[in-house]
């Protein structure tokens, strides 16, 4: 199984990947905000009609996906040392 040193190295790599995913999510969020700001806002219609479109829902899913990756990586990083100690015993 994994040694504790290998598990801590794996944990560090998983946390670095999680930070990268957070950065990617932040970048995609900024792009989504810029895109939403460019959309026209008709005066008497629904305040934000762009948000009701399929394109908007797809853009939001595209933006949120790296956050799910981050959650998965953080959970794996938290479990890696436990798995190493179980394997060493």
PDB file of N, CA and C in Angstrom:
ATOM      1  N   UNK A   1       0.833  -1.180   0.000  1.00  0.00           N
ATOM      2  CA  UNK A   1       0.000   0.000   0.000  1.00  0.00           C
ATOM      3  C   UNK A   1       0.885   1.254   0.000  1.00  0.00           C
ATOM      4  N   UNK A   2       0.267   2.370   0.220  1.00  0.00           N
ATOM      5  CA  UNK A   2       0.996   3.632   0.242  1.00  0.00           C
ATOM      6  C   UNK A   2       1.687   3.851   1.580  1.00  0.00           C
ATOM      7  N   UNK A   3       2.899   4.395   1.512  1.00  0.00           N
ATOM      8  CA  UNK A   3       3.535   4.818   2.752  1.00  0.00           C
ATOM      9  C   UNK A   3       2.971   6.179   3.141  1.00  0.00           C
ATOM     10  N   UNK A   4       3.235   6.591   4.356  1.00  0.00           N
ATOM     11  CA  UNK A   4       2.730   7.887   4.797  1.00  0.00           C
ATOM     12  C   UNK A   4       3.337   9.029   3.992  1.00  0.00           C
ATOM     13  N   UNK A   5       4.602   8.898   3.628  1.00  0.00           N
ATOM     14  CA  UNK A   5       5.242   9.947   2.838  1.00  0.00           C
ATOM     15  C   UNK A   5       4.607  10.024   1.447  1.00  0.00           C
ATOM     16  N   UNK A   6       4.342   8.886   0.846  1.00  0.00           N
ATOM     17  CA  UNK A   6       3.693   8.882  -0.465  1.00  0.00           C
ATOM     18  C   UNK A   6       2.271   9.420  -0.367  1.00  0.00           C
ATOM     19  N   UNK A   7       1.591   9.092   0.720  1.00  0.00           N
ATOM     20  CA  UNK A   7       0.222   9.577   0.912  1.00  0.00           C
ATOM     21  C   UNK A   7       0.205  11.089   1.089  1.00  0.00           C
ATOM     22  N   UNK A   8       1.164  11.626   1.845  1.00  0.00           N
ATOM     23  CA  UNK A   8       1.197  13.079   2.020  1.00  0.00           C
ATOM     24  C   UNK A   8       1.580  13.782   0.722  1.00  0.00           C
ATOM     25  N   UNK A   9       2.438  13.166  -0.077  1.00  0.00           N
ATOM     26  CA  UNK A   9       2.777  13.742  -1.384  1.00  0.00           C
ATOM     27  C   UNK A   9       1.557  13.721  -2.297  1.00  0.00           C
ATOM     28  N   UNK A  10       0.831  12.618  -2.282  1.00  0.00           N
ATOM     29  CA  UNK A  10      -0.400  12.524  -3.070  1.00  0.00           C
ATOM     30  C   UNK A  10      -1.413  13.554  -2.594  1.00  0.00           C
ATOM     31  N   UNK A  11      -1.509  13.731  -1.294  1.00  0.00           N
ATOM     32  CA  UNK A  11      -2.431  14.717  -0.730  1.00  0.00           C
ATOM     33  C   UNK A  11      -2.064  16.121  -1.192  1.00  0.00           C
ATOM     34  N   UNK A  12      -0.791  16.431  -1.198  1.00  0.00           N
ATOM     35  CA  UNK A  12      -0.331  17.744  -1.655  1.00  0.00           C
ATOM     36  C   UNK A  12      -0.647  17.953  -3.134  1.00  0.00           C
ATOM     37  N   UNK A  13      -0.436  16.940  -3.952  1.00  0.00           N
ATOM     38  CA  UNK A  13      -0.749  17.048  -5.379  1.00  0.00           C
ATOM     39  C   UNK A  13      -2.246  17.219  -5.621  1.00  0.00           C
ATOM     40  N   UNK A  14      -3.065  16.490  -4.861  1.00  0.00           N
ATOM     41  CA  UNK A  14      -4.514  16.625  -5.007  1.00  0.00           C
ATOM     42  C   UNK A  14      -4.986  18.010  -4.588  1.00  0.00           C
ATOM     43  N   UNK A  15      -4.399  18.566  -3.537  1.00  0.00           N
ATOM     44  CA  UNK A  15      -4.765  19.924  -3.121  1.00  0.00           C
ATOM     45  C   UNK A  15      -4.325  20.952  -4.158  1.00  0.00           C
ATOM     46  N   UNK A  16      -3.160  20.748  -4.774  1.00  0.00           N
ATOM     47  CA  UNK A  16      -2.723  21.657  -5.830  1.00  0.00           C
ATOM     48  C   UNK A  16      -3.679  21.594  -7.023  1.00  0.00           C
ATOM     49  N   UNK A  17      -4.132  20.394  -7.382  1.00  0.00           N
ATOM     50  CA  UNK A  17      -5.117  20.261  -8.452  1.00  0.00           C
ATOM     51  C   UNK A  17      -6.436  20.926  -8.076  1.00  0.00           C
ATOM     52  N   UNK A  18      -6.820  20.822  -6.803  1.00  0.00           N
ATOM     53  CA  UNK A  18      -8.049  21.469  -6.340  1.00  0.00           C
ATOM     54  C   UNK A  18      -7.930  22.989  -6.468  1.00  0.00           C
ATOM     55  N   UNK A  19      -6.772  23.534  -6.121  1.00  0.00           N
ATOM     56  CA  UNK A  19      -6.562  24.979  -6.282  1.00  0.00           C
ATOM     57  C   UNK A  19      -6.629  25.385  -7.750  1.00  0.00           C
ATOM     58  N   UNK A  20      -6.092  24.558  -8.612  1.00  0.00           N
ATOM     59  CA  UNK A  20      -6.168  24.833 -10.048  1.00  0.00           C
ATOM     60  C   UNK A  20      -7.619  24.836 -10.516  1.00  0.00           C
ATOM     61  N   UNK A  21      -8.408  23.898 -10.024  1.00  0.00           N
ATOM     62  CA  UNK A  21      -9.830  23.848 -10.395  1.00  0.00           C
ATOM     63  C   UNK A  21     -10.588  25.061  -9.869  1.00  0.00           C
ATOM     64  N   UNK A  22     -10.241  25.530  -8.687  1.00  0.00           N
ATOM     65  CA  UNK A  22     -10.882  26.735  -8.158  1.00  0.00           C
ATOM     66  C   UNK A  22     -10.557  27.930  -9.046  1.00  0.00           C
ATOM     67  N   UNK A  23      -9.306  28.032  -9.469  1.00  0.00           N
ATOM     68  CA  UNK A  23      -8.930  29.108 -10.379  1.00  0.00           C
ATOM     69  C   UNK A  23      -9.672  29.030 -11.699  1.00  0.00           C
ATOM     70  N   UNK A  24      -9.829  27.813 -12.215  1.00  0.00           N
ATOM     71  CA  UNK A  24     -10.566  27.635 -13.463  1.00  0.00           C
ATOM     72  C   UNK A  24     -12.032  28.022 -13.289  1.00  0.00           C
ATOM     73  N   UNK A  25     -12.612  27.666 -12.162  1.00  0.00           N
ATOM     74  CA  UNK A  25     -14.007  28.040 -11.895  1.00  0.00           C
ATOM     75  C   UNK A  25     -14.149  29.552 -11.781  1.00  0.00           C
ATOM     76  N   UNK A  26     -13.181  30.201 -11.139  1.00  0.00           N
ATOM     77  CA  UNK A  26     -13.227  31.655 -11.021  1.00  0.00           C
ATOM     78  C   UNK A  26     -13.126  32.310 -12.390  1.00  0.00           C
ATOM     79  N   UNK A  27     -12.240  31.796 -13.235  1.00  0.00           N
ATOM     80  CA  UNK A  27     -12.094  32.341 -14.584  1.00  0.00           C
ATOM     81  C   UNK A  27     -13.381  32.174 -15.385  1.00  0.00           C
ATOM     82  N   UNK A  28     -13.967  30.989 -15.319  1.00  0.00           N
ATOM     83  CA  UNK A  28     -15.212  30.751 -16.049  1.00  0.00           C
ATOM     84  C   UNK A  28     -16.349  31.613 -15.510  1.00  0.00           C
ATOM     85  N   UNK A  29     -16.344  31.865 -14.199  1.00  0.00           N
ATOM     86  CA  UNK A  29     -17.360  32.740 -13.617  1.00  0.00           C
ATOM     87  C   UNK A  29     -17.218  34.159 -14.144  1.00  0.00           C
ATOM     88  N   UNK A  30     -15.998  34.650 -14.218  1.00  0.00           N
ATOM     89  CA  UNK A  30     -15.779  35.990 -14.769  1.00  0.00           C
ATOM     90  C   UNK A  30     -16.221  36.070 -16.227  1.00  0.00           C
ATOM     91  N   UNK A  31     -15.937  35.042 -16.997  1.00  0.00           N
ATOM     92  CA  UNK A  31     -16.382  35.033 -18.388  1.00  0.00           C
ATOM     93  C   UNK A  31     -17.903  35.044 -18.477  1.00  0.00           C
ATOM     94  N   UNK A  32     -18.558  34.279 -17.615  1.00  0.00           N
ATOM     95  CA  UNK A  32     -20.014  34.238 -17.600  1.00  0.00           C
ATOM     96  C   UNK A  32     -20.592  35.593 -17.206  1.00  0.00           C
ATOM     97  N   UNK A  33     -19.982  36.246 -16.222  1.00  0.00           N
ATOM     98  CA  UNK A  33     -20.452  37.572 -15.821  1.00  0.00           C
ATOM     99  C   UNK A  33     -20.294  38.588 -16.939  1.00  0.00           C
ATOM    100  N   UNK A  34     -19.167  38.524 -17.641  1.00  0.00           N
ATOM    101  CA  UNK A  34     -18.964  39.440 -18.779  1.00  0.00           C
ATOM    102  C   UNK A  34     -20.001  39.193 -19.862  1.00  0.00           C
ATOM    103  N   UNK A  35     -20.277  37.939 -20.131  1.00  0.00           N
ATOM    104  CA  UNK A  35     -21.258  37.603 -21.163  1.00  0.00           C
ATOM    105  C   UNK A  35     -22.653  38.074 -20.763  1.00  0.00           C
ATOM    106  N   UNK A  36     -22.991  37.888 -19.494  1.00  0.00           N
ATOM    107  CA  UNK A  36     -24.308  38.313 -19.018  1.00  0.00           C
ATOM    108  C   UNK A  36     -24.438  39.833 -19.045  1.00  0.00           C
ATOM    109  N   UNK A  37     -23.351  40.538 -18.797  1.00  0.00           N
ATOM    110  CA  UNK A  37     -23.394  41.998 -18.806  1.00  0.00           C
ATOM    111  C   UNK A  37     -23.596  42.545 -20.215  1.00  0.00           C
ATOM    112  N   UNK A  38     -23.179  41.799 -21.220  1.00  0.00           N
ATOM    113  CA  UNK A  38     -23.333  42.258 -22.606  1.00  0.00           C
ATOM    114  C   UNK A  38     -24.726  42.015 -23.160  1.00  0.00           C
ATOM    115  N   UNK A  39     -25.543  41.250 -22.456  1.00  0.00           N
ATOM    116  CA  UNK A  39     -26.871  40.920 -22.964  1.00  0.00           C
ATOM    117  C   UNK A  39     -27.803  42.118 -22.834  1.00  0.00           C
ATOM    118  N   UNK A  40     -28.641  42.341 -23.826  1.00  0.00           N
ATOM    119  CA  UNK A  40     -29.573  43.460 -23.742  1.00  0.00           C
ATOM    120  C   UNK A  40     -30.630  43.220 -22.659  1.00  0.00           C
ATOM    121  N   UNK A  41     -31.088  44.301 -22.085  1.00  0.00           N
ATOM    122  CA  UNK A  41     -32.098  44.228 -21.036  1.00  0.00           C
ATOM    123  C   UNK A  41     -33.286  45.090 -21.462  1.00  0.00           C
ATOM    124  N   UNK A  42     -34.290  44.496 -22.100  1.00  0.00           N
ATOM    125  CA  UNK A  42     -35.427  45.302 -22.530  1.00  0.00           C
ATOM    126  C   UNK A  42     -36.149  45.910 -21.334  1.00  0.00           C
ATOM    127  N   UNK A  43     -36.630  47.123 -21.505  1.00  0.00           N
ATOM    128  CA  UNK A  43     -37.203  47.875 -20.400  1.00  0.00           C
ATOM    129  C   UNK A  43     -38.432  47.258 -19.769  1.00  0.00           C
ATOM    130  N   UNK A  44     -39.376  46.801 -20.550  1.00  0.00           N
ATOM    131  CA  UNK A  44     -40.619  46.317 -19.949  1.00  0.00           C
ATOM    132  C   UNK A  44     -40.735  44.794 -19.932  1.00  0.00           C
ATOM    133  N   UNK A  45     -39.735  44.091 -20.378  1.00  0.00           N
ATOM    134  CA  UNK A  45     -39.780  42.619 -20.387  1.00  0.00           C
ATOM    135  C   UNK A  45     -39.238  42.092 -19.054  1.00  0.00           C
ATOM    136  N   UNK A  46     -39.030  40.804 -19.005  1.00  0.00           N
ATOM    137  CA  UNK A  46     -38.450  40.180 -17.819  1.00  0.00           C
ATOM    138  C   UNK A  46     -37.076  40.806 -17.590  1.00  0.00           C
ATOM    139  N   UNK A  47     -36.700  41.099 -16.334  1.00  0.00           N
ATOM    140  CA  UNK A  47     -35.438  41.817 -16.093  1.00  0.00           C
ATOM    141  C   UNK A  47     -34.201  41.178 -16.725  1.00  0.00           C
ATOM    142  N   UNK A  48     -34.083  39.886 -16.674  1.00  0.00           N
ATOM    143  CA  UNK A  48     -32.911  39.215 -17.247  1.00  0.00           C
ATOM    144  C   UNK A  48     -33.366  38.059 -18.131  1.00  0.00           C
ATOM    145  N   UNK A  49     -33.835  38.306 -19.334  1.00  0.00           N
ATOM    146  CA  UNK A  49     -34.334  37.211 -20.163  1.00  0.00           C
ATOM    147  C   UNK A  49     -33.243  36.233 -20.582  1.00  0.00           C
ATOM    148  N   UNK A  50     -31.994  36.660 -20.595  1.00  0.00           N
ATOM    149  CA  UNK A  50     -30.923  35.767 -21.023  1.00  0.00           C
ATOM    150  C   UNK A  50     -30.812  34.569 -20.089  1.00  0.00           C
ATOM    151  N   UNK A  51     -31.094  34.740 -18.809  1.00  0.00           N
ATOM    152  CA  UNK A  51     -30.950  33.656 -17.842  1.00  0.00           C
ATOM    153  C   UNK A  51     -31.965  32.549 -18.050  1.00  0.00           C
ATOM    154  N   UNK A  52     -33.012  32.813 -18.809  1.00  0.00           N
ATOM    155  CA  UNK A  52     -34.041  31.807 -19.046  1.00  0.00           C
ATOM    156  C   UNK A  52     -33.767  30.956 -20.280  1.00  0.00           C
ATOM    157  N   UNK A  53     -32.665  31.154 -20.938  1.00  0.00           N
ATOM    158  CA  UNK A  53     -32.377  30.431 -22.173  1.00  0.00           C
ATOM    159  C   UNK A  53     -31.580  29.156 -21.893  1.00  0.00           C
ATOM    160  N   UNK A  54     -31.610  28.251 -22.843  1.00  0.00           N
ATOM    161  CA  UNK A  54     -30.818  27.016 -22.731  1.00  0.00           C
ATOM    162  C   UNK A  54     -29.331  27.333 -22.769  1.00  0.00           C
ATOM    163  N   UNK A  55     -28.951  28.365 -23.518  1.00  0.00           N
ATOM    164  CA  UNK A  55     -27.541  28.765 -23.590  1.00  0.00           C
ATOM    165  C   UNK A  55     -27.042  29.201 -22.210  1.00  0.00           C
ATOM    166  N   UNK A  56     -27.871  29.900 -21.462  1.00  0.00           N
ATOM    167  CA  UNK A  56     -27.475  30.341 -20.121  1.00  0.00           C
ATOM    168  C   UNK A  56     -27.314  29.154 -19.181  1.00  0.00           C
ATOM    169  N   UNK A  57     -28.225  28.208 -19.243  1.00  0.00           N
ATOM    170  CA  UNK A  57     -28.121  27.025 -18.375  1.00  0.00           C
ATOM    171  C   UNK A  57     -26.872  26.218 -18.701  1.00  0.00           C
ATOM    172  N   UNK A  58     -26.555  26.111 -19.971  1.00  0.00           N
ATOM    173  CA  UNK A  58     -25.345  25.391 -20.361  1.00  0.00           C
ATOM    174  C   UNK A  58     -24.103  26.141 -19.888  1.00  0.00           C
ATOM    175  N   UNK A  59     -24.108  27.456 -19.980  1.00  0.00           N
ATOM    176  CA  UNK A  59     -22.968  28.249 -19.522  1.00  0.00           C
ATOM    177  C   UNK A  59     -22.779  28.121 -18.016  1.00  0.00           C
ATOM    178  N   UNK A  60     -23.877  28.078 -17.282  1.00  0.00           N
ATOM    179  CA  UNK A  60     -23.783  27.940 -15.829  1.00  0.00           C
ATOM    180  C   UNK A  60     -23.241  26.563 -15.463  1.00  0.00           C
ATOM    181  N   UNK A  61     -23.719  25.513 -16.134  1.00  0.00           N
ATOM    182  CA  UNK A  61     -23.171  24.169 -15.882  1.00  0.00           C
ATOM    183  C   UNK A  61     -21.679  24.131 -16.194  1.00  0.00           C
ATOM    184  N   UNK A  62     -21.274  24.785 -17.281  1.00  0.00           N
ATOM    185  CA  UNK A  62     -19.874  24.836 -17.677  1.00  0.00           C
ATOM    186  C   UNK A  62     -19.049  25.553 -16.607  1.00  0.00           C
ATOM    187  N   UNK A  63     -19.639  26.539 -15.965  1.00  0.00           N
ATOM    188  CA  UNK A  63     -18.940  27.309 -14.941  1.00  0.00           C
ATOM    189  C   UNK A  63     -18.844  26.546 -13.627  1.00  0.00           C
ATOM    190  N   UNK A  64     -19.882  25.814 -13.263  1.00  0.00           N
ATOM    191  CA  UNK A  64     -19.939  25.151 -11.962  1.00  0.00           C
ATOM    192  C   UNK A  64     -19.190  23.818 -11.956  1.00  0.00           C
ATOM    193  N   UNK A  65     -19.011  23.205 -13.097  1.00  0.00           N
ATOM    194  CA  UNK A  65     -18.367  21.882 -13.160  1.00  0.00           C
ATOM    195  C   UNK A  65     -17.010  21.831 -12.450  1.00  0.00           C
ATOM    196  N   UNK A  66     -16.105  22.828 -12.628  1.00  0.00           N
ATOM    197  CA  UNK A  66     -14.825  22.752 -11.893  1.00  0.00           C
ATOM    198  C   UNK A  66     -14.980  22.791 -10.373  1.00  0.00           C
ATOM    199  N   UNK A  67     -16.072  23.372  -9.880  1.00  0.00           N
ATOM    200  CA  UNK A  67     -16.290  23.354  -8.433  1.00  0.00           C
ATOM    201  C   UNK A  67     -16.581  21.933  -7.950  1.00  0.00           C
ATOM    202  N   UNK A  68     -17.300  21.159  -8.740  1.00  0.00           N
ATOM    203  CA  UNK A  68     -17.530  19.745  -8.380  1.00  0.00           C
ATOM    204  C   UNK A  68     -16.222  18.972  -8.412  1.00  0.00           C
ATOM    205  N   UNK A  69     -15.370  19.270  -9.405  1.00  0.00           N
ATOM    206  CA  UNK A  69     -14.054  18.630  -9.450  1.00  0.00           C
ATOM    207  C   UNK A  69     -13.271  18.971  -8.184  1.00  0.00           C
ATOM    208  N   UNK A  70     -13.364  20.227  -7.748  1.00  0.00           N
ATOM    209  CA  UNK A  70     -12.649  20.667  -6.549  1.00  0.00           C
ATOM    210  C   UNK A  70     -13.123  19.895  -5.326  1.00  0.00           C
ATOM    211  N   UNK A  71     -14.427  19.748  -5.192  1.00  0.00           N
ATOM    212  CA  UNK A  71     -14.971  19.003  -4.050  1.00  0.00           C
ATOM    213  C   UNK A  71     -14.454  17.565  -4.062  1.00  0.00           C
ATOM    214  N   UNK A  72     -14.473  16.932  -5.216  1.00  0.00           N
ATOM    215  CA  UNK A  72     -13.970  15.563  -5.321  1.00  0.00           C
ATOM    216  C   UNK A  72     -12.495  15.458  -4.977  1.00  0.00           C
ATOM    217  N   UNK A  73     -11.698  16.397  -5.448  1.00  0.00           N
ATOM    218  CA  UNK A  73     -10.262  16.366  -5.160  1.00  0.00           C
ATOM    219  C   UNK A  73      -9.969  16.603  -3.686  1.00  0.00           C
ATOM    220  N   UNK A  74     -10.718  17.505  -3.062  1.00  0.00           N
ATOM    221  CA  UNK A  74     -10.507  17.760  -1.632  1.00  0.00           C
ATOM    222  C   UNK A  74     -10.886  16.524  -0.814  1.00  0.00           C
ATOM    223  N   UNK A  75     -11.964  15.856  -1.192  1.00  0.00           N
ATOM    224  CA  UNK A  75     -12.355  14.631  -0.477  1.00  0.00           C
ATOM    225  C   UNK A  75     -11.284  13.562  -0.658  1.00  0.00           C
ATOM    226  N   UNK A  76     -10.789  13.389  -1.877  1.00  0.00           N
ATOM    227  CA  UNK A  76      -9.719  12.406  -2.101  1.00  0.00           C
ATOM    228  C   UNK A  76      -8.463  12.756  -1.313  1.00  0.00           C
ATOM    229  N   UNK A  77      -8.135  14.044  -1.256  1.00  0.00           N
ATOM    230  CA  UNK A  77      -6.958  14.465  -0.500  1.00  0.00           C
ATOM    231  C   UNK A  77      -7.135  14.206   0.989  1.00  0.00           C
ATOM    232  N   UNK A  78      -8.356  14.347   1.479  1.00  0.00           N
ATOM    233  CA  UNK A  78      -8.608  14.094   2.893  1.00  0.00           C
ATOM    234  C   UNK A  78      -8.540  12.604   3.216  1.00  0.00           C
ATOM    235  N   UNK A  79      -8.908  11.770   2.271  1.00  0.00           N
ATOM    236  CA  UNK A  79      -8.952  10.325   2.506  1.00  0.00           C
ATOM    237  C   UNK A  79      -7.605   9.654   2.283  1.00  0.00           C
ATOM    238  N   UNK A  80      -6.712  10.243   1.497  1.00  0.00           N
ATOM    239  CA  UNK A  80      -5.441   9.600   1.142  1.00  0.00           C
ATOM    240  C   UNK A  80      -4.599   9.172   2.369  1.00  0.00           C
ATOM    241  N   UNK A  81      -4.393  10.029   3.362  1.00  0.00           N
ATOM    242  CA  UNK A  81      -3.591   9.565   4.509  1.00  0.00           C
ATOM    243  C   UNK A  81      -4.275   8.442   5.295  1.00  0.00           C
ATOM    244  N   UNK A  82      -5.598   8.488   5.387  1.00  0.00           N
ATOM    245  CA  UNK A  82      -6.336   7.440   6.104  1.00  0.00           C
ATOM    246  C   UNK A  82      -6.154   6.090   5.386  1.00  0.00           C
ATOM    247  N   UNK A  83      -6.242   6.124   4.073  1.00  0.00           N
ATOM    248  CA  UNK A  83      -6.040   4.895   3.299  1.00  0.00           C
ATOM    249  C   UNK A  83      -4.618   4.377   3.497  1.00  0.00           C
ATOM    250  N   UNK A  84      -3.651   5.277   3.583  1.00  0.00           N
ATOM    251  CA  UNK A  84      -2.261   4.856   3.773  1.00  0.00           C
ATOM    252  C   UNK A  84      -2.076   4.208   5.146  1.00  0.00           C
ATOM    253  N   UNK A  85      -2.699   4.766   6.169  1.00  0.00           N
ATOM    254  CA  UNK A  85      -2.542   4.177   7.503  1.00  0.00           C
ATOM    255  C   UNK A  85      -3.284   2.848   7.607  1.00  0.00           C
ATOM    256  N   UNK A  86      -4.405   2.723   6.916  1.00  0.00           N
ATOM    257  CA  UNK A  86      -5.111   1.438   6.913  1.00  0.00           C
ATOM    258  C   UNK A  86      -4.289   0.383   6.195  1.00  0.00           C
ATOM    259  N   UNK A  87      -3.615   0.779   5.119  1.00  0.00           N
ATOM    260  CA  UNK A  87      -2.806  -0.176   4.377  1.00  0.00           C
ATOM    261  C   UNK A  87      -1.529  -0.551   5.110  1.00  0.00           C
ATOM    262  N   UNK A  88      -1.001   0.379   5.918  1.00  0.00           N
ATOM    263  CA  UNK A  88       0.234   0.108   6.646  1.00  0.00           C
ATOM    264  C   UNK A  88      -0.010  -0.785   7.854  1.00  0.00           C
ATOM    265  N   UNK A  89      -1.224  -0.800   8.340  1.00  0.00           N
ATOM    266  CA  UNK A  89      -1.513  -1.595   9.558  1.00  0.00           C
ATOM    267  C   UNK A  89      -1.631  -3.064   9.285  1.00  0.00           C
TER     268      UNK A  89
END
